[in-house]
N, C-alpha and C. Protein backbone atom coordinates (compact mmCIF):
# COMPACT_ATOMS: atom_id res chain seq x y z
N MET A 1 164.80 94.47 231.28
CA MET A 1 164.83 95.88 230.97
C MET A 1 164.23 96.05 229.57
N MET A 2 163.17 96.79 229.48
CA MET A 2 162.49 97.00 228.21
C MET A 2 162.36 98.49 227.96
N PHE A 3 162.65 98.91 226.75
CA PHE A 3 162.57 100.31 226.40
C PHE A 3 161.58 100.49 225.27
N CYS A 4 160.90 101.62 225.30
CA CYS A 4 159.98 101.97 224.22
C CYS A 4 160.74 102.91 223.29
N ILE A 5 161.22 102.39 222.21
CA ILE A 5 161.98 103.18 221.27
C ILE A 5 161.23 103.20 219.96
N SER A 6 161.05 104.36 219.43
CA SER A 6 160.39 104.49 218.14
C SER A 6 161.35 104.04 217.05
N LEU A 7 160.95 103.04 216.33
CA LEU A 7 161.79 102.54 215.25
C LEU A 7 161.38 103.14 213.91
N ALA A 8 160.61 104.22 213.95
CA ALA A 8 160.15 104.87 212.72
C ALA A 8 161.32 105.38 211.89
N ALA A 9 162.43 105.72 212.54
CA ALA A 9 163.59 106.23 211.82
C ALA A 9 164.29 105.13 211.01
N LEU A 10 163.98 103.88 211.32
CA LEU A 10 164.62 102.77 210.61
C LEU A 10 163.82 102.49 209.34
N VAL A 11 164.51 102.47 208.23
CA VAL A 11 163.86 102.43 206.93
C VAL A 11 163.36 101.04 206.55
N SER A 12 164.17 100.04 206.71
CA SER A 12 163.81 98.71 206.21
C SER A 12 163.73 97.69 207.34
N GLU A 13 163.19 96.55 207.03
CA GLU A 13 163.11 95.45 207.98
C GLU A 13 164.52 95.00 208.37
N ASN A 14 165.45 95.07 207.44
CA ASN A 14 166.85 94.73 207.70
C ASN A 14 167.44 95.69 208.73
N ASP A 15 167.11 97.00 208.62
CA ASP A 15 167.57 97.98 209.59
C ASP A 15 167.03 97.65 210.98
N VAL A 16 165.77 97.27 211.04
CA VAL A 16 165.15 96.93 212.32
C VAL A 16 165.86 95.74 212.94
N ARG A 17 166.14 94.71 212.15
CA ARG A 17 166.85 93.53 212.66
C ARG A 17 168.26 93.91 213.13
N SER A 18 168.96 94.72 212.35
CA SER A 18 170.31 95.15 212.74
C SER A 18 170.27 95.94 214.04
N PHE A 19 169.29 96.83 214.15
CA PHE A 19 169.14 97.63 215.37
C PHE A 19 168.88 96.73 216.57
N GLU A 20 167.99 95.76 216.40
CA GLU A 20 167.66 94.84 217.50
C GLU A 20 168.89 94.04 217.93
N THR A 21 169.70 93.64 216.96
CA THR A 21 170.93 92.91 217.28
C THR A 21 171.88 93.78 218.09
N ILE A 22 172.07 95.02 217.65
CA ILE A 22 172.95 95.95 218.36
C ILE A 22 172.41 96.19 219.77
N TYR A 23 171.11 96.34 219.87
CA TYR A 23 170.46 96.55 221.18
C TYR A 23 170.76 95.37 222.11
N GLU A 24 170.52 94.17 221.64
CA GLU A 24 170.73 92.98 222.48
C GLU A 24 172.19 92.82 222.89
N GLU A 25 173.11 93.15 221.99
CA GLU A 25 174.54 92.99 222.27
C GLU A 25 175.05 94.00 223.30
N ASN A 26 174.40 95.16 223.41
CA ASN A 26 174.97 96.25 224.20
C ASN A 26 174.15 96.71 225.40
N LYS A 27 172.89 96.37 225.47
CA LYS A 27 172.00 96.94 226.49
C LYS A 27 172.49 96.69 227.92
N ASP A 28 172.94 95.48 228.23
CA ASP A 28 173.35 95.17 229.60
C ASP A 28 174.61 95.93 230.01
N MET A 29 175.59 95.97 229.13
CA MET A 29 176.83 96.68 229.43
C MET A 29 176.55 98.18 229.61
N LEU A 30 175.72 98.75 228.74
CA LEU A 30 175.40 100.17 228.84
C LEU A 30 174.61 100.47 230.12
N TYR A 31 173.72 99.58 230.47
CA TYR A 31 172.95 99.75 231.70
C TYR A 31 173.89 99.76 232.92
N ARG A 32 174.80 98.79 232.97
CA ARG A 32 175.74 98.73 234.11
C ARG A 32 176.58 100.00 234.18
N TYR A 33 176.99 100.50 233.02
CA TYR A 33 177.80 101.72 232.98
C TYR A 33 176.98 102.90 233.51
N ALA A 34 175.76 103.06 233.03
CA ALA A 34 174.91 104.16 233.48
C ALA A 34 174.61 104.01 234.98
N TYR A 35 174.37 102.78 235.42
CA TYR A 35 174.07 102.55 236.83
C TYR A 35 175.28 102.89 237.70
N SER A 36 176.47 102.63 237.22
CA SER A 36 177.66 102.94 238.00
C SER A 36 177.80 104.44 238.23
N ILE A 37 177.24 105.22 237.36
CA ILE A 37 177.27 106.67 237.51
C ILE A 37 176.12 107.15 238.40
N LEU A 38 174.92 106.61 238.14
CA LEU A 38 173.71 107.15 238.76
C LEU A 38 173.25 106.43 240.03
N LYS A 39 173.60 105.17 240.19
CA LYS A 39 173.14 104.36 241.32
C LYS A 39 171.62 104.33 241.40
N ASP A 40 170.97 104.30 240.25
CA ASP A 40 169.52 104.36 240.19
C ASP A 40 169.03 103.62 238.94
N ASN A 41 168.13 102.67 239.14
CA ASN A 41 167.63 101.87 238.02
C ASN A 41 166.93 102.72 236.96
N ALA A 42 166.01 103.56 237.39
CA ALA A 42 165.23 104.35 236.44
C ALA A 42 166.13 105.31 235.65
N GLY A 43 167.05 105.95 236.33
CA GLY A 43 167.96 106.87 235.65
C GLY A 43 168.85 106.15 234.66
N ALA A 44 169.34 104.97 235.06
CA ALA A 44 170.20 104.18 234.17
C ALA A 44 169.42 103.76 232.93
N GLU A 45 168.17 103.34 233.13
CA GLU A 45 167.35 102.95 231.99
C GLU A 45 167.09 104.15 231.07
N ASP A 46 166.86 105.32 231.65
CA ASP A 46 166.66 106.53 230.84
C ASP A 46 167.89 106.84 230.01
N ALA A 47 169.07 106.74 230.61
CA ALA A 47 170.31 107.03 229.90
C ALA A 47 170.52 106.05 228.74
N VAL A 48 170.24 104.77 229.00
CA VAL A 48 170.40 103.76 227.95
C VAL A 48 169.37 104.00 226.84
N GLN A 49 168.16 104.32 227.22
CA GLN A 49 167.13 104.60 226.21
C GLN A 49 167.55 105.80 225.36
N ASP A 50 168.09 106.83 225.97
CA ASP A 50 168.57 107.99 225.21
C ASP A 50 169.60 107.57 224.17
N ALA A 51 170.49 106.66 224.56
CA ALA A 51 171.52 106.21 223.64
C ALA A 51 170.92 105.48 222.44
N PHE A 52 169.96 104.61 222.71
CA PHE A 52 169.36 103.85 221.61
C PHE A 52 168.43 104.71 220.75
N VAL A 53 167.81 105.71 221.34
CA VAL A 53 167.01 106.64 220.54
C VAL A 53 167.95 107.40 219.59
N ALA A 54 169.08 107.86 220.12
CA ALA A 54 170.06 108.56 219.29
C ALA A 54 170.57 107.66 218.17
N LEU A 55 170.81 106.39 218.50
CA LEU A 55 171.26 105.45 217.49
C LEU A 55 170.19 105.28 216.41
N ALA A 56 168.93 105.12 216.81
CA ALA A 56 167.84 104.95 215.85
C ALA A 56 167.71 106.20 214.98
N ASP A 57 167.82 107.37 215.60
CA ASP A 57 167.70 108.62 214.84
C ASP A 57 168.82 108.81 213.83
N ASN A 58 169.98 108.26 214.14
CA ASN A 58 171.15 108.41 213.25
C ASN A 58 171.55 107.09 212.61
N PHE A 59 170.64 106.15 212.54
CA PHE A 59 170.98 104.80 212.10
C PHE A 59 171.52 104.78 210.67
N GLU A 60 170.99 105.64 209.85
CA GLU A 60 171.44 105.68 208.45
C GLU A 60 172.93 106.00 208.37
N LYS A 61 173.42 106.83 209.31
CA LYS A 61 174.83 107.22 209.33
C LYS A 61 175.71 106.21 210.07
N THR A 62 175.12 105.50 211.04
CA THR A 62 175.93 104.67 211.92
C THR A 62 175.90 103.18 211.62
N TYR A 63 174.87 102.68 210.92
CA TYR A 63 174.75 101.24 210.77
C TYR A 63 175.89 100.60 209.99
N SER A 64 176.57 101.39 209.16
CA SER A 64 177.67 100.82 208.38
C SER A 64 179.00 100.83 209.16
N MET A 65 179.00 101.42 210.35
CA MET A 65 180.22 101.45 211.16
C MET A 65 180.52 100.06 211.71
N GLU A 66 181.76 99.83 212.09
CA GLU A 66 182.13 98.59 212.74
C GLU A 66 181.39 98.50 214.07
N ARG A 67 181.11 97.28 214.51
CA ARG A 67 180.39 97.07 215.77
C ARG A 67 181.08 97.77 216.95
N SER A 68 182.40 97.72 216.98
CA SER A 68 183.13 98.34 218.10
C SER A 68 182.95 99.86 218.09
N ARG A 69 182.89 100.46 216.92
CA ARG A 69 182.68 101.91 216.85
C ARG A 69 181.26 102.27 217.26
N ILE A 70 180.30 101.42 216.91
CA ILE A 70 178.92 101.66 217.34
C ILE A 70 178.85 101.58 218.86
N ARG A 71 179.53 100.59 219.44
CA ARG A 71 179.54 100.45 220.89
C ARG A 71 180.18 101.67 221.54
N SER A 72 181.26 102.17 220.97
CA SER A 72 181.92 103.37 221.49
C SER A 72 180.97 104.56 221.44
N TYR A 73 180.27 104.69 220.33
CA TYR A 73 179.28 105.75 220.15
C TYR A 73 178.22 105.67 221.24
N LEU A 74 177.73 104.47 221.50
CA LEU A 74 176.71 104.28 222.53
C LEU A 74 177.24 104.57 223.93
N VAL A 75 178.48 104.17 224.20
CA VAL A 75 179.10 104.43 225.51
C VAL A 75 179.18 105.93 225.77
N VAL A 76 179.59 106.68 224.76
CA VAL A 76 179.71 108.13 224.91
C VAL A 76 178.34 108.76 225.16
N ILE A 77 177.33 108.33 224.41
CA ILE A 77 175.99 108.88 224.60
C ILE A 77 175.46 108.53 225.99
N VAL A 78 175.64 107.29 226.42
CA VAL A 78 175.17 106.90 227.76
C VAL A 78 175.89 107.70 228.83
N ARG A 79 177.19 107.86 228.69
CA ARG A 79 177.94 108.65 229.67
C ARG A 79 177.39 110.07 229.75
N ASN A 80 177.21 110.69 228.60
CA ASN A 80 176.73 112.07 228.59
C ASN A 80 175.31 112.16 229.16
N ALA A 81 174.45 111.23 228.80
CA ALA A 81 173.08 111.22 229.31
C ALA A 81 173.07 110.99 230.83
N ALA A 82 173.90 110.07 231.30
CA ALA A 82 173.95 109.77 232.73
C ALA A 82 174.47 110.98 233.52
N PHE A 83 175.50 111.64 233.02
CA PHE A 83 176.01 112.81 233.73
C PHE A 83 175.01 113.95 233.71
N LYS A 84 174.27 114.07 232.63
CA LYS A 84 173.22 115.09 232.55
C LYS A 84 172.16 114.82 233.63
N ILE A 85 171.74 113.58 233.75
CA ILE A 85 170.77 113.20 234.77
C ILE A 85 171.37 113.40 236.16
N TYR A 86 172.61 112.98 236.33
CA TYR A 86 173.31 113.11 237.61
C TYR A 86 173.35 114.57 238.04
N ASN A 87 173.76 115.45 237.13
CA ASN A 87 173.87 116.88 237.46
C ASN A 87 172.51 117.49 237.77
N ARG A 88 171.49 117.11 237.02
CA ARG A 88 170.15 117.62 237.28
C ARG A 88 169.69 117.19 238.68
N ARG A 89 169.89 115.93 239.01
CA ARG A 89 169.48 115.43 240.33
C ARG A 89 170.29 116.07 241.45
N LYS A 90 171.54 116.29 241.18
CA LYS A 90 172.42 116.89 242.19
C LYS A 90 171.92 118.29 242.55
N ARG A 91 171.45 119.03 241.55
CA ARG A 91 170.91 120.37 241.81
C ARG A 91 169.58 120.31 242.54
N GLU A 92 168.79 119.26 242.25
CA GLU A 92 167.43 119.17 242.77
C GLU A 92 167.32 118.44 244.10
N THR A 93 168.30 117.60 244.46
CA THR A 93 168.19 116.72 245.61
C THR A 93 169.22 117.09 246.67
N PRO A 94 168.82 117.11 247.94
CA PRO A 94 169.82 117.34 249.01
C PRO A 94 170.90 116.26 248.95
N ALA A 95 172.13 116.64 249.23
CA ALA A 95 173.27 115.73 249.10
C ALA A 95 173.11 114.46 249.91
N GLU A 96 172.54 114.56 251.13
CA GLU A 96 172.42 113.37 251.97
C GLU A 96 171.57 112.31 251.28
N GLU A 97 170.49 112.73 250.64
CA GLU A 97 169.61 111.78 249.98
C GLU A 97 170.25 111.23 248.71
N PHE A 98 170.90 112.11 247.95
CA PHE A 98 171.45 111.70 246.66
C PHE A 98 172.55 110.66 246.80
N TYR A 99 173.42 110.84 247.77
CA TYR A 99 174.56 109.94 247.89
C TYR A 99 174.30 108.73 248.76
N SER A 100 173.12 108.60 249.32
CA SER A 100 172.85 107.45 250.17
C SER A 100 172.09 106.37 249.44
N ALA A 101 171.99 106.48 248.11
CA ALA A 101 171.25 105.48 247.33
C ALA A 101 171.87 104.10 247.53
N ASP A 102 171.02 103.09 247.64
CA ASP A 102 171.51 101.73 247.79
C ASP A 102 172.15 101.25 246.50
N GLU A 103 173.15 100.42 246.64
CA GLU A 103 173.79 99.86 245.47
C GLU A 103 173.11 98.55 245.12
N PRO A 104 173.23 98.09 243.89
CA PRO A 104 172.52 96.88 243.48
C PRO A 104 173.06 95.65 244.19
N SER A 105 172.17 94.78 244.62
CA SER A 105 172.62 93.55 245.26
C SER A 105 173.25 92.65 244.21
N GLY A 106 174.35 92.03 244.54
CA GLY A 106 175.02 91.15 243.61
C GLY A 106 175.95 91.87 242.65
N GLU A 107 175.77 93.16 242.47
CA GLU A 107 176.61 93.92 241.56
C GLU A 107 177.18 95.14 242.27
N GLU A 108 177.47 94.99 243.55
CA GLU A 108 177.93 96.13 244.31
C GLU A 108 179.26 96.64 243.77
N ILE A 109 179.37 97.92 243.80
CA ILE A 109 180.60 98.58 243.36
C ILE A 109 181.40 98.88 244.61
N HIS A 110 182.60 98.34 244.69
CA HIS A 110 183.39 98.54 245.89
C HIS A 110 184.69 99.22 245.50
N LEU A 111 184.89 100.40 246.03
CA LEU A 111 186.11 101.15 245.74
C LEU A 111 187.12 101.05 246.87
N GLY A 112 186.76 100.36 247.94
CA GLY A 112 187.63 100.34 249.09
C GLY A 112 187.55 101.66 249.84
N VAL A 113 186.48 102.39 249.61
CA VAL A 113 186.31 103.69 250.22
C VAL A 113 185.05 103.65 251.06
N GLU A 114 185.19 103.84 252.37
CA GLU A 114 184.04 103.79 253.25
C GLU A 114 183.47 105.17 253.51
N ASP A 115 184.31 106.16 253.52
CA ASP A 115 183.90 107.53 253.80
C ASP A 115 183.09 108.07 252.63
N GLY A 116 181.82 108.44 252.90
CA GLY A 116 180.94 108.95 251.85
C GLY A 116 181.51 110.18 251.17
N GLU A 117 182.15 111.06 251.93
CA GLU A 117 182.71 112.27 251.35
C GLU A 117 183.85 111.93 250.38
N LEU A 118 184.71 111.02 250.78
CA LEU A 118 185.81 110.62 249.92
C LEU A 118 185.28 109.94 248.67
N ARG A 119 184.26 109.13 248.83
CA ARG A 119 183.64 108.45 247.69
C ARG A 119 183.08 109.47 246.69
N ARG A 120 182.37 110.48 247.19
CA ARG A 120 181.83 111.54 246.32
C ARG A 120 182.96 112.30 245.65
N THR A 121 184.01 112.59 246.41
CA THR A 121 185.15 113.32 245.86
C THR A 121 185.81 112.52 244.74
N LEU A 122 185.99 111.23 244.97
CA LEU A 122 186.60 110.37 243.95
C LEU A 122 185.74 110.36 242.68
N PHE A 123 184.44 110.23 242.86
CA PHE A 123 183.55 110.23 241.71
C PHE A 123 183.64 111.55 240.95
N GLU A 124 183.68 112.67 241.67
CA GLU A 124 183.79 113.98 241.03
C GLU A 124 185.13 114.09 240.28
N MET A 125 186.18 113.53 240.86
CA MET A 125 187.49 113.57 240.19
C MET A 125 187.47 112.76 238.91
N ILE A 126 186.82 111.61 238.93
CA ILE A 126 186.72 110.79 237.71
C ILE A 126 185.97 111.56 236.64
N ARG A 127 184.94 112.28 237.03
CA ARG A 127 184.17 113.08 236.08
C ARG A 127 185.01 114.18 235.46
N LYS A 128 186.01 114.68 236.20
CA LYS A 128 186.84 115.77 235.70
C LYS A 128 187.91 115.28 234.72
N LEU A 129 188.17 113.99 234.72
CA LEU A 129 189.15 113.45 233.78
C LEU A 129 188.62 113.56 232.35
N GLU A 130 189.54 113.64 231.41
CA GLU A 130 189.12 113.58 230.01
C GLU A 130 188.33 112.29 229.81
N PRO A 131 187.31 112.31 228.96
CA PRO A 131 186.49 111.10 228.76
C PRO A 131 187.30 109.86 228.41
N LYS A 132 188.38 110.01 227.66
CA LYS A 132 189.15 108.81 227.28
C LYS A 132 189.77 108.14 228.50
N TYR A 133 189.93 108.87 229.60
CA TYR A 133 190.45 108.30 230.83
C TYR A 133 189.31 107.95 231.80
N GLY A 134 188.40 108.87 231.98
CA GLY A 134 187.29 108.65 232.90
C GLY A 134 186.42 107.48 232.50
N ASP A 135 186.16 107.35 231.20
CA ASP A 135 185.35 106.22 230.72
C ASP A 135 186.02 104.89 231.04
N LEU A 136 187.33 104.84 230.85
CA LEU A 136 188.05 103.60 231.13
C LEU A 136 187.98 103.23 232.60
N ILE A 137 188.14 104.22 233.48
CA ILE A 137 188.04 103.96 234.91
C ILE A 137 186.66 103.43 235.25
N MET A 138 185.62 104.06 234.70
CA MET A 138 184.25 103.64 234.98
C MET A 138 184.01 102.22 234.46
N LEU A 139 184.43 101.95 233.23
CA LEU A 139 184.20 100.62 232.66
C LEU A 139 184.99 99.55 233.39
N ARG A 140 186.24 99.82 233.71
CA ARG A 140 187.11 98.81 234.32
C ARG A 140 186.78 98.56 235.79
N TYR A 141 186.66 99.62 236.57
CA TYR A 141 186.55 99.44 238.01
C TYR A 141 185.12 99.50 238.54
N PHE A 142 184.25 100.20 237.87
CA PHE A 142 182.86 100.24 238.32
C PHE A 142 182.06 99.11 237.69
N ASN A 143 182.33 98.83 236.41
CA ASN A 143 181.60 97.76 235.71
C ASN A 143 182.35 96.45 235.71
N LYS A 144 183.58 96.47 236.22
CA LYS A 144 184.42 95.27 236.26
C LYS A 144 184.55 94.61 234.88
N MET A 145 184.66 95.45 233.86
CA MET A 145 184.78 94.97 232.49
C MET A 145 186.24 94.61 232.21
N PRO A 146 186.50 93.44 231.66
CA PRO A 146 187.87 93.06 231.33
C PRO A 146 188.49 94.01 230.30
N GLU A 147 189.80 94.18 230.38
CA GLU A 147 190.50 95.08 229.46
C GLU A 147 190.25 94.71 228.00
N LYS A 148 190.19 93.41 227.72
CA LYS A 148 189.94 92.96 226.34
C LYS A 148 188.59 93.46 225.84
N ASP A 149 187.56 93.37 226.69
CA ASP A 149 186.23 93.83 226.30
C ASP A 149 186.19 95.35 226.13
N ILE A 150 186.91 96.06 226.98
CA ILE A 150 186.99 97.52 226.86
C ILE A 150 187.63 97.88 225.52
N ALA A 151 188.72 97.20 225.20
CA ALA A 151 189.41 97.47 223.94
C ALA A 151 188.47 97.25 222.75
N GLU A 152 187.75 96.14 222.76
CA GLU A 152 186.81 95.86 221.68
C GLU A 152 185.70 96.89 221.63
N SER A 153 185.19 97.26 222.80
CA SER A 153 184.08 98.23 222.86
C SER A 153 184.48 99.59 222.32
N LEU A 154 185.68 100.01 222.65
CA LEU A 154 186.12 101.35 222.26
C LEU A 154 186.93 101.37 220.97
N GLY A 155 187.20 100.21 220.43
CA GLY A 155 187.93 100.15 219.16
C GLY A 155 189.39 100.56 219.29
N ILE A 156 190.00 100.22 220.44
CA ILE A 156 191.41 100.52 220.64
C ILE A 156 192.11 99.23 221.07
N SER A 157 193.44 99.25 221.05
CA SER A 157 194.19 98.05 221.40
C SER A 157 194.17 97.83 222.92
N ILE A 158 194.41 96.58 223.32
CA ILE A 158 194.49 96.25 224.74
C ILE A 158 195.63 97.03 225.38
N GLN A 159 196.74 97.14 224.67
CA GLN A 159 197.88 97.89 225.19
C GLN A 159 197.50 99.34 225.44
N ASN A 160 196.72 99.93 224.54
CA ASN A 160 196.27 101.31 224.70
C ASN A 160 195.36 101.43 225.92
N VAL A 161 194.50 100.44 226.14
CA VAL A 161 193.64 100.42 227.33
C VAL A 161 194.52 100.41 228.58
N LYS A 162 195.53 99.57 228.61
CA LYS A 162 196.41 99.47 229.78
C LYS A 162 197.15 100.78 230.04
N VAL A 163 197.64 101.40 228.98
CA VAL A 163 198.36 102.66 229.12
C VAL A 163 197.43 103.75 229.64
N ARG A 164 196.24 103.83 229.07
CA ARG A 164 195.28 104.86 229.51
C ARG A 164 194.84 104.63 230.96
N LEU A 165 194.63 103.36 231.33
CA LEU A 165 194.26 103.07 232.72
C LEU A 165 195.38 103.48 233.67
N PHE A 166 196.63 103.19 233.29
CA PHE A 166 197.79 103.58 234.10
C PHE A 166 197.82 105.09 234.28
N ARG A 167 197.65 105.81 233.17
CA ARG A 167 197.66 107.28 233.23
C ARG A 167 196.49 107.81 234.06
N ALA A 168 195.32 107.22 233.88
CA ALA A 168 194.14 107.66 234.62
C ALA A 168 194.32 107.45 236.12
N ARG A 169 194.86 106.28 236.50
CA ARG A 169 195.10 106.01 237.93
C ARG A 169 196.10 107.03 238.50
N ASN A 170 197.14 107.34 237.72
CA ASN A 170 198.13 108.32 238.19
C ASN A 170 197.50 109.70 238.33
N MET A 171 196.63 110.07 237.38
CA MET A 171 195.95 111.36 237.48
C MET A 171 195.07 111.40 238.73
N LEU A 172 194.37 110.32 239.00
CA LEU A 172 193.52 110.27 240.19
C LEU A 172 194.35 110.33 241.47
N LYS A 173 195.49 109.64 241.48
CA LYS A 173 196.38 109.69 242.65
C LYS A 173 196.83 111.12 242.90
N ASP A 174 197.22 111.81 241.82
CA ASP A 174 197.66 113.20 241.95
C ASP A 174 196.53 114.09 242.47
N MET A 175 195.34 113.88 241.95
CA MET A 175 194.19 114.67 242.38
C MET A 175 193.87 114.39 243.85
N LEU A 176 193.95 113.15 244.25
CA LEU A 176 193.71 112.79 245.65
C LEU A 176 194.77 113.42 246.56
N ARG A 177 196.02 113.38 246.11
CA ARG A 177 197.12 113.95 246.89
C ARG A 177 196.91 115.47 247.03
N GLU A 178 196.56 116.13 245.91
CA GLU A 178 196.33 117.58 245.94
C GLU A 178 195.14 117.93 246.83
N GLY A 179 194.17 117.05 246.92
CA GLY A 179 192.99 117.28 247.75
C GLY A 179 193.23 116.94 249.22
N GLY A 180 194.42 116.45 249.54
CA GLY A 180 194.75 116.10 250.91
C GLY A 180 194.23 114.75 251.36
N TYR A 181 193.88 113.87 250.42
CA TYR A 181 193.34 112.57 250.76
C TYR A 181 194.42 111.48 250.81
N SER A 182 195.61 111.80 250.32
CA SER A 182 196.66 110.80 250.27
C SER A 182 197.98 111.48 250.62
N GLU A 183 198.83 110.75 251.33
CA GLU A 183 200.12 111.32 251.74
C GLU A 183 201.22 110.97 250.76
N ARG A 184 201.03 109.93 249.95
CA ARG A 184 202.09 109.49 249.04
C ARG A 184 201.93 110.09 247.69
């Protein structure tokens, strides 16, 4: 995965090296996160590129942050960019075509949901959650990211990740129950 990012916003050679390090450390995780939302290589790459362009544009303000805060910043930008792309495509593409996209071989996302309508509904419900909950669900269950890595990425404790995941799952259960998808 290669992106064309203008590094003109980076002032010194040291900034360029720091940026490249941050890029190498985060590009794969961000791509998987964007892909879990979009189910499309090109869209995921666009969302990741948007995040790194934003980082380059604001590098003077962000380079002194802790690595975990930078990663959190990138995760939020990728999420927002991916949902923006998702919503644009949803308006432009018939539902049958949009939701029938093939999943990546070897990295398939399995929710235990076979019904396409239920799968779309679940995804829409995750999107409706507050980002602090929805992001965790996406990172943990769509990207299969360990809780420890999520905690480091978002700059929160592992216990906080566990509590938020518990709350997010309960919110989703309630939403599914209210939507008539679950009896319990």
